[in-house]
Amino acid sequence: MPAVERVLHRQEAGVPPPLARDAEHIRKRMGDFSAFMAHWQQCFAAWFNRTSAERRHGRLWGNRFKHTILEGNEGLWTCVQYVEMNAVRASMVDEPGDYRFCKWAIRCGRGKHPYGEHLLEDLRHSLGMREKSWMIN
């Protein structure tokens, strides 16, 4: 039986394609993001330690994965400002707009986040519309 016919036959029998089965397995494992990150960091560290020239041991990251829930209208923007100011805090530049990867100057110059509406729409979609109160200043 040709490959196309085998796939069609499997679909008619109600057998999900391999990628769908893999995606479902991954989705179940991603239920707890902190557990996923811990597992990923452990696996990556084991691989890195095993394959590095120094044959190192132990953790690669100083602290375990940490996340913070951003609540309210200001939480997301405070986080964006914090990230954009990293180059200034690291004394790489005097102003955030001087850093070539920084978009803060564009955002401040226009007085409005250039991707704000799309960013919030994507966030609303990914959060199941539970943050309808988010507004763009």
N, C-alpha and C. Protein backbone atom coordinates (compact mmCIF):
# COMPACT_ATOMS: atom_id res chain seq x y z
N MET A 1 0.85 -1.17 0.00
CA MET A 1 0.00 0.00 0.00
C MET A 1 0.91 1.24 0.00
N PRO A 2 0.68 2.19 -0.92
CA PRO A 2 1.49 3.42 -0.96
C PRO A 2 1.35 4.22 0.33
N ALA A 3 2.35 5.07 0.61
CA ALA A 3 2.40 5.83 1.86
C ALA A 3 1.18 6.72 2.05
N VAL A 4 0.73 7.37 0.98
CA VAL A 4 -0.43 8.26 1.09
C VAL A 4 -1.67 7.47 1.50
N GLU A 5 -1.85 6.31 0.91
CA GLU A 5 -3.01 5.49 1.26
C GLU A 5 -2.93 5.00 2.70
N ARG A 6 -1.71 4.67 3.17
CA ARG A 6 -1.55 4.22 4.55
C ARG A 6 -1.95 5.33 5.52
N VAL A 7 -1.52 6.58 5.22
CA VAL A 7 -1.87 7.71 6.07
C VAL A 7 -3.38 7.93 6.09
N LEU A 8 -4.01 7.91 4.91
CA LEU A 8 -5.45 8.09 4.83
C LEU A 8 -6.19 6.99 5.57
N HIS A 9 -5.71 5.76 5.43
CA HIS A 9 -6.33 4.62 6.10
C HIS A 9 -6.23 4.80 7.62
N ARG A 10 -5.07 5.24 8.11
CA ARG A 10 -4.89 5.46 9.54
C ARG A 10 -5.82 6.56 10.04
N GLN A 11 -5.98 7.65 9.24
CA GLN A 11 -6.86 8.73 9.65
C GLN A 11 -8.31 8.26 9.72
N GLU A 12 -8.73 7.46 8.75
CA GLU A 12 -10.09 6.94 8.76
C GLU A 12 -10.33 6.04 9.96
N ALA A 13 -9.29 5.36 10.41
CA ALA A 13 -9.41 4.47 11.56
C ALA A 13 -9.34 5.24 12.88
N GLY A 14 -9.14 6.56 12.80
CA GLY A 14 -9.10 7.37 14.01
C GLY A 14 -7.75 7.39 14.70
N VAL A 15 -6.69 6.98 14.03
CA VAL A 15 -5.35 6.99 14.61
C VAL A 15 -4.72 8.35 14.30
N PRO A 16 -4.35 9.12 15.33
CA PRO A 16 -3.75 10.43 15.06
C PRO A 16 -2.38 10.28 14.42
N PRO A 17 -1.99 11.23 13.56
CA PRO A 17 -0.67 11.16 12.95
C PRO A 17 0.42 11.28 14.00
N PRO A 18 1.63 10.82 13.71
CA PRO A 18 2.71 10.83 14.71
C PRO A 18 2.97 12.20 15.32
N LEU A 19 2.96 13.26 14.52
CA LEU A 19 3.24 14.58 15.08
C LEU A 19 2.17 15.00 16.08
N ALA A 20 0.92 14.65 15.82
CA ALA A 20 -0.15 15.00 16.75
C ALA A 20 0.03 14.25 18.07
N ARG A 21 0.45 12.98 17.99
CA ARG A 21 0.70 12.22 19.22
C ARG A 21 1.85 12.85 20.00
N ASP A 22 2.92 13.23 19.29
CA ASP A 22 4.06 13.87 19.95
C ASP A 22 3.64 15.20 20.59
N ALA A 23 2.86 15.98 19.85
CA ALA A 23 2.42 17.27 20.37
C ALA A 23 1.58 17.09 21.63
N GLU A 24 0.72 16.09 21.65
CA GLU A 24 -0.11 15.83 22.83
C GLU A 24 0.75 15.42 24.02
N HIS A 25 1.77 14.60 23.75
CA HIS A 25 2.69 14.17 24.82
C HIS A 25 3.42 15.39 25.39
N ILE A 26 3.89 16.27 24.53
CA ILE A 26 4.60 17.47 24.96
C ILE A 26 3.65 18.39 25.73
N ARG A 27 2.43 18.55 25.22
CA ARG A 27 1.45 19.41 25.88
C ARG A 27 1.18 18.93 27.30
N LYS A 28 1.08 17.62 27.50
CA LYS A 28 0.85 17.09 28.85
C LYS A 28 2.03 17.38 29.76
N ARG A 29 3.25 17.27 29.23
CA ARG A 29 4.45 17.52 30.03
C ARG A 29 4.61 19.00 30.34
N MET A 30 4.02 19.87 29.51
CA MET A 30 4.16 21.32 29.70
C MET A 30 3.11 21.86 30.66
N GLY A 31 2.32 21.03 31.29
CA GLY A 31 1.29 21.49 32.20
C GLY A 31 1.84 22.35 33.31
N ASP A 32 3.02 22.01 33.81
CA ASP A 32 3.68 22.79 34.86
C ASP A 32 4.98 23.32 34.27
N PHE A 33 5.01 24.61 33.95
CA PHE A 33 6.16 25.18 33.26
C PHE A 33 7.42 25.10 34.11
N SER A 34 7.30 25.27 35.42
CA SER A 34 8.46 25.18 36.30
C SER A 34 9.06 23.79 36.26
N ALA A 35 8.21 22.76 36.26
CA ALA A 35 8.70 21.39 36.18
C ALA A 35 9.36 21.14 34.83
N PHE A 36 8.77 21.69 33.76
CA PHE A 36 9.37 21.55 32.44
C PHE A 36 10.75 22.19 32.40
N MET A 37 10.88 23.43 32.92
CA MET A 37 12.18 24.10 32.92
C MET A 37 13.21 23.35 33.75
N ALA A 38 12.80 22.82 34.90
CA ALA A 38 13.73 22.05 35.73
C ALA A 38 14.22 20.83 34.97
N HIS A 39 13.31 20.13 34.31
CA HIS A 39 13.68 18.94 33.53
C HIS A 39 14.61 19.32 32.38
N TRP A 40 14.26 20.40 31.67
CA TRP A 40 15.09 20.84 30.54
C TRP A 40 16.49 21.21 31.01
N GLN A 41 16.59 21.97 32.10
CA GLN A 41 17.90 22.38 32.61
C GLN A 41 18.73 21.19 33.04
N GLN A 42 18.10 20.21 33.67
CA GLN A 42 18.83 19.01 34.09
C GLN A 42 19.35 18.24 32.89
N CYS A 43 18.49 18.05 31.89
CA CYS A 43 18.90 17.31 30.69
C CYS A 43 20.01 18.05 29.94
N PHE A 44 19.85 19.36 29.79
CA PHE A 44 20.87 20.13 29.07
C PHE A 44 22.19 20.12 29.83
N ALA A 45 22.14 20.30 31.15
CA ALA A 45 23.36 20.31 31.95
C ALA A 45 24.07 18.96 31.86
N ALA A 46 23.30 17.86 31.92
CA ALA A 46 23.91 16.53 31.81
C ALA A 46 24.59 16.37 30.46
N TRP A 47 23.91 16.79 29.38
CA TRP A 47 24.50 16.68 28.04
C TRP A 47 25.74 17.57 27.94
N PHE A 48 25.64 18.81 28.40
CA PHE A 48 26.77 19.74 28.30
C PHE A 48 27.96 19.24 29.10
N ASN A 49 27.71 18.78 30.31
CA ASN A 49 28.81 18.28 31.15
C ASN A 49 29.47 17.05 30.52
N ARG A 50 28.67 16.21 29.91
CA ARG A 50 29.19 14.99 29.29
C ARG A 50 30.00 15.28 28.04
N THR A 51 29.59 16.31 27.27
CA THR A 51 30.23 16.56 25.98
C THR A 51 31.28 17.67 26.02
N SER A 52 31.39 18.40 27.11
CA SER A 52 32.37 19.49 27.15
C SER A 52 33.78 18.92 27.29
N ALA A 53 34.72 19.68 26.78
CA ALA A 53 36.13 19.24 26.80
C ALA A 53 36.64 19.09 28.23
N GLU A 54 36.14 19.89 29.16
CA GLU A 54 36.62 19.84 30.54
C GLU A 54 36.00 18.70 31.34
N ARG A 55 34.99 18.03 30.78
CA ARG A 55 34.26 16.97 31.49
C ARG A 55 33.82 17.48 32.86
N ARG A 56 33.13 18.61 32.83
CA ARG A 56 32.72 19.27 34.06
C ARG A 56 31.58 18.52 34.73
N HIS A 57 31.26 18.91 35.97
CA HIS A 57 30.19 18.30 36.77
C HIS A 57 29.35 19.39 37.39
N GLY A 58 28.13 19.08 37.73
CA GLY A 58 27.29 20.00 38.48
C GLY A 58 26.36 20.82 37.60
N ARG A 59 25.76 21.82 38.25
CA ARG A 59 24.75 22.66 37.60
C ARG A 59 25.42 23.72 36.73
N LEU A 60 24.70 24.12 35.69
CA LEU A 60 25.17 25.21 34.84
C LEU A 60 24.59 26.54 35.30
N TRP A 61 23.43 26.50 35.90
CA TRP A 61 22.74 27.71 36.32
C TRP A 61 22.88 27.86 37.82
N GLY A 62 23.13 29.10 38.26
CA GLY A 62 23.33 29.35 39.68
C GLY A 62 22.08 29.11 40.51
N ASN A 63 20.95 29.55 40.01
CA ASN A 63 19.70 29.40 40.74
C ASN A 63 18.71 28.65 39.87
N ARG A 64 17.73 28.10 40.49
CA ARG A 64 16.71 27.40 39.72
C ARG A 64 15.84 28.41 38.96
N PHE A 65 15.14 27.91 37.96
CA PHE A 65 14.25 28.75 37.16
C PHE A 65 13.24 29.43 38.08
N LYS A 66 12.98 30.70 37.81
CA LYS A 66 12.03 31.46 38.61
C LYS A 66 11.15 32.27 37.67
N HIS A 67 9.87 32.35 37.96
CA HIS A 67 8.99 33.18 37.15
C HIS A 67 8.16 34.06 38.07
N THR A 68 7.69 35.14 37.51
CA THR A 68 6.87 36.09 38.25
C THR A 68 5.63 36.37 37.43
N ILE A 69 4.49 36.33 38.07
CA ILE A 69 3.24 36.64 37.37
C ILE A 69 3.12 38.15 37.26
N LEU A 70 2.85 38.63 36.05
CA LEU A 70 2.68 40.06 35.80
C LEU A 70 1.20 40.38 35.89
N GLU A 71 0.84 41.15 36.89
CA GLU A 71 -0.57 41.48 37.09
C GLU A 71 -0.80 42.98 36.92
N GLY A 72 -1.99 43.32 36.51
CA GLY A 72 -2.36 44.73 36.38
C GLY A 72 -1.87 45.34 35.09
N ASN A 73 -2.26 46.59 34.89
CA ASN A 73 -1.92 47.28 33.65
C ASN A 73 -0.44 47.61 33.54
N GLU A 74 0.22 47.82 34.66
CA GLU A 74 1.61 48.29 34.64
C GLU A 74 2.63 47.16 34.65
N GLY A 75 2.25 45.96 35.02
CA GLY A 75 3.21 44.87 35.19
C GLY A 75 4.01 44.55 33.96
N LEU A 76 3.36 44.41 32.82
CA LEU A 76 4.04 44.09 31.58
C LEU A 76 5.01 45.20 31.18
N TRP A 77 4.56 46.44 31.27
CA TRP A 77 5.40 47.56 30.85
C TRP A 77 6.59 47.75 31.79
N THR A 78 6.40 47.50 33.07
CA THR A 78 7.51 47.55 34.01
C THR A 78 8.56 46.50 33.66
N CYS A 79 8.10 45.33 33.28
CA CYS A 79 9.01 44.25 32.87
C CYS A 79 9.77 44.64 31.60
N VAL A 80 9.08 45.21 30.63
CA VAL A 80 9.73 45.64 29.39
C VAL A 80 10.79 46.68 29.69
N GLN A 81 10.46 47.65 30.53
CA GLN A 81 11.43 48.68 30.90
C GLN A 81 12.65 48.06 31.58
N TYR A 82 12.41 47.12 32.46
CA TYR A 82 13.52 46.46 33.17
C TYR A 82 14.46 45.78 32.17
N VAL A 83 13.90 45.05 31.23
CA VAL A 83 14.73 44.35 30.24
C VAL A 83 15.49 45.35 29.37
N GLU A 84 14.81 46.39 28.92
CA GLU A 84 15.44 47.37 28.04
C GLU A 84 16.56 48.15 28.75
N MET A 85 16.52 48.24 30.07
CA MET A 85 17.53 48.98 30.82
C MET A 85 18.74 48.11 31.20
N ASN A 86 18.72 46.83 30.85
CA ASN A 86 19.83 45.94 31.24
C ASN A 86 21.17 46.43 30.70
N ALA A 87 21.23 46.92 29.47
CA ALA A 87 22.50 47.39 28.90
C ALA A 87 23.02 48.61 29.66
N VAL A 88 22.13 49.46 30.15
CA VAL A 88 22.55 50.62 30.94
C VAL A 88 23.08 50.16 32.29
N ARG A 89 22.36 49.25 32.94
CA ARG A 89 22.81 48.75 34.25
C ARG A 89 24.15 48.02 34.13
N ALA A 90 24.40 47.38 32.99
CA ALA A 90 25.66 46.67 32.78
C ALA A 90 26.78 47.61 32.33
N SER A 91 26.50 48.90 32.27
CA SER A 91 27.46 49.94 31.84
C SER A 91 27.97 49.72 30.42
N MET A 92 27.14 49.14 29.58
CA MET A 92 27.50 48.95 28.18
C MET A 92 27.23 50.22 27.38
N VAL A 93 26.20 50.98 27.80
CA VAL A 93 25.83 52.24 27.15
C VAL A 93 25.35 53.20 28.24
N ASP A 94 25.27 54.49 27.87
CA ASP A 94 24.77 55.49 28.82
C ASP A 94 23.26 55.63 28.76
N GLU A 95 22.70 55.44 27.57
CA GLU A 95 21.26 55.56 27.36
C GLU A 95 20.75 54.28 26.71
N PRO A 96 19.55 53.81 27.05
CA PRO A 96 19.04 52.58 26.46
C PRO A 96 18.93 52.65 24.94
N GLY A 97 18.63 53.83 24.41
CA GLY A 97 18.51 53.99 22.96
C GLY A 97 19.83 53.83 22.22
N ASP A 98 20.95 53.92 22.96
CA ASP A 98 22.27 53.74 22.34
C ASP A 98 22.62 52.28 22.09
N TYR A 99 21.92 51.38 22.75
CA TYR A 99 22.18 49.94 22.58
C TYR A 99 21.51 49.47 21.31
N ARG A 100 22.26 48.82 20.44
CA ARG A 100 21.73 48.51 19.10
C ARG A 100 20.55 47.55 19.11
N PHE A 101 20.39 46.77 20.18
CA PHE A 101 19.27 45.84 20.24
C PHE A 101 18.07 46.39 21.01
N CYS A 102 18.17 47.63 21.46
CA CYS A 102 17.13 48.23 22.28
C CYS A 102 16.07 48.91 21.42
N LYS A 103 14.84 48.71 21.75
CA LYS A 103 13.73 49.35 21.05
C LYS A 103 13.05 50.41 21.91
N TRP A 104 13.59 50.64 23.10
CA TRP A 104 12.97 51.58 24.01
C TRP A 104 12.92 52.99 23.44
N ALA A 105 13.97 53.41 22.74
CA ALA A 105 13.99 54.76 22.16
C ALA A 105 12.85 54.92 21.15
N ILE A 106 12.60 53.91 20.37
CA ILE A 106 11.51 53.96 19.40
C ILE A 106 10.18 54.08 20.14
N ARG A 107 10.03 53.27 21.18
CA ARG A 107 8.78 53.29 21.94
C ARG A 107 8.55 54.64 22.60
N CYS A 108 9.59 55.19 23.21
CA CYS A 108 9.44 56.47 23.91
C CYS A 108 9.26 57.61 22.92
N GLY A 109 9.97 57.59 21.81
CA GLY A 109 9.89 58.65 20.83
C GLY A 109 8.50 58.79 20.23
N ARG A 110 7.84 57.67 20.04
CA ARG A 110 6.50 57.71 19.46
C ARG A 110 5.44 57.90 20.54
N GLY A 111 5.83 57.69 21.81
CA GLY A 111 4.86 57.83 22.89
C GLY A 111 3.93 56.65 23.01
N LYS A 112 4.13 55.65 22.18
CA LYS A 112 3.27 54.48 22.19
C LYS A 112 4.10 53.28 21.75
N HIS A 113 3.89 52.17 22.39
CA HIS A 113 4.61 50.96 22.02
C HIS A 113 4.22 50.58 20.59
N PRO A 114 5.20 50.45 19.66
CA PRO A 114 4.85 50.19 18.26
C PRO A 114 4.17 48.85 18.02
N TYR A 115 4.38 47.90 18.93
CA TYR A 115 3.77 46.58 18.74
C TYR A 115 2.74 46.30 19.83
N GLY A 116 2.40 47.30 20.60
CA GLY A 116 1.56 47.11 21.77
C GLY A 116 0.25 46.41 21.50
N GLU A 117 -0.49 46.86 20.51
CA GLU A 117 -1.79 46.27 20.26
C GLU A 117 -1.67 44.81 19.88
N HIS A 118 -0.70 44.47 19.03
CA HIS A 118 -0.53 43.08 18.62
C HIS A 118 0.01 42.24 19.76
N LEU A 119 0.93 42.80 20.55
CA LEU A 119 1.48 42.08 21.69
C LEU A 119 0.38 41.73 22.67
N LEU A 120 -0.44 42.71 23.01
CA LEU A 120 -1.52 42.45 23.96
C LEU A 120 -2.54 41.47 23.39
N GLU A 121 -2.82 41.57 22.11
CA GLU A 121 -3.76 40.64 21.51
C GLU A 121 -3.22 39.22 21.57
N ASP A 122 -1.93 39.06 21.29
CA ASP A 122 -1.31 37.73 21.38
C ASP A 122 -1.34 37.22 22.82
N LEU A 123 -1.04 38.10 23.77
CA LEU A 123 -1.08 37.69 25.17
C LEU A 123 -2.50 37.32 25.60
N ARG A 124 -3.47 38.13 25.18
CA ARG A 124 -4.86 37.81 25.52
C ARG A 124 -5.25 36.45 24.97
N HIS A 125 -4.84 36.18 23.73
CA HIS A 125 -5.17 34.90 23.11
C HIS A 125 -4.51 33.75 23.86
N SER A 126 -3.23 33.89 24.19
CA SER A 126 -2.52 32.80 24.85
C SER A 126 -3.01 32.58 26.27
N LEU A 127 -3.57 33.62 26.90
CA LEU A 127 -4.06 33.49 28.27
C LEU A 127 -5.55 33.19 28.31
N GLY A 128 -6.14 32.91 27.17
CA GLY A 128 -7.55 32.57 27.14
C GLY A 128 -8.46 33.74 27.45
N MET A 129 -8.04 34.95 27.05
CA MET A 129 -8.85 36.17 27.19
C MET A 129 -9.09 36.54 28.65
N ARG A 130 -8.37 35.98 29.61
CA ARG A 130 -8.64 36.31 31.00
C ARG A 130 -8.12 37.69 31.39
N GLU A 131 -7.29 38.27 30.55
CA GLU A 131 -6.74 39.60 30.86
C GLU A 131 -7.33 40.65 29.92
N LYS A 132 -8.63 40.70 29.82
CA LYS A 132 -9.30 41.67 28.95
C LYS A 132 -9.08 43.11 29.40
N SER A 133 -8.72 43.27 30.67
CA SER A 133 -8.58 44.63 31.19
C SER A 133 -7.26 45.28 30.80
N TRP A 134 -6.34 44.55 30.19
CA TRP A 134 -5.06 45.13 29.79
C TRP A 134 -5.31 46.22 28.76
N MET A 135 -4.72 47.36 28.99
CA MET A 135 -4.89 48.48 28.08
C MET A 135 -3.54 49.01 27.69
N ILE A 136 -3.50 49.68 26.55
CA ILE A 136 -2.27 50.33 26.10
C ILE A 136 -2.37 51.79 26.46
N ASN A 137 -1.34 52.29 27.14
CA ASN A 137 -1.34 53.71 27.52
C ASN A 137 -0.95 54.56 26.35
